[in-house]
Amino acid sequence: MLIAIVILLFSVICHEVAHGLMALKFGDDTAKRAGRLTLNPLPHIDLIGSILVPLMGILFGGIIFGWAKPVPVDFSRLNRKATLYVSLAGVAVNFLLAIAGSLVFRWLVWQSPAASVLLLSAVWINLLLGVFNLLPIPPLDGWRIWGAWLPLRWRMVIEMNTMLFLILLLVFFRYLPILFLVRILFFVLTGIRW
């Protein structure tokens, strides 16, 4: 469980730093000025998302999940294309980490069982983060990706009700096909059914 929390923390930090780096590439230096373009975990730790939620997952036997403080991005300084790239950057990093972990796993599988477990955990966690963040619900990245195509009036109404959508997400999470998609991707990458 401790290993899973370390992997989760590293993965969400990479996810957030990717947002900041992509925003910087498009001219928004907000994350850089806030000191958030670093892999040092301290500036990224969120008391609830980085500590309490994963701890509750361990204590109550649920899914170990969490998040880091969102990297500050001034989307008013970015056009639609830049917003799309910034939003996709974090998800892309999670999928790239999952692919890299699966490639190393396939290379090490017969050499080190302990390393294999670590790598499989990294693949699973990053796939879960990537698929989850593609949901078109604010404040997830999927909202900025898919919501950008909605009329402004609809976007404003949905964003004003972010808390309602988060509550609905928590209530209906187990009915969403997230874990089904993660299992398929995990099998494709590793050849193992989880």
Foldseek 3Di string as FASTA:
>chain_A
DVLLLVLQLQLQLQLQLQLQVLLVVVPWNQLVVVVSNDSPSVVWADCCFSPVQQVCCVVVVHDRGGHTHHRDHDCVSPDLVSLQSSLVRSLVSLQVLLLVLLVVLVVCVVPDVVSNVSSLSSNLSSLLLNLVLLPCAPPRSVVSNPVVPDPPVVNVVRVVCRVVRVVVCVVCVVVDCSVVVSQVVSCVRHVDGD
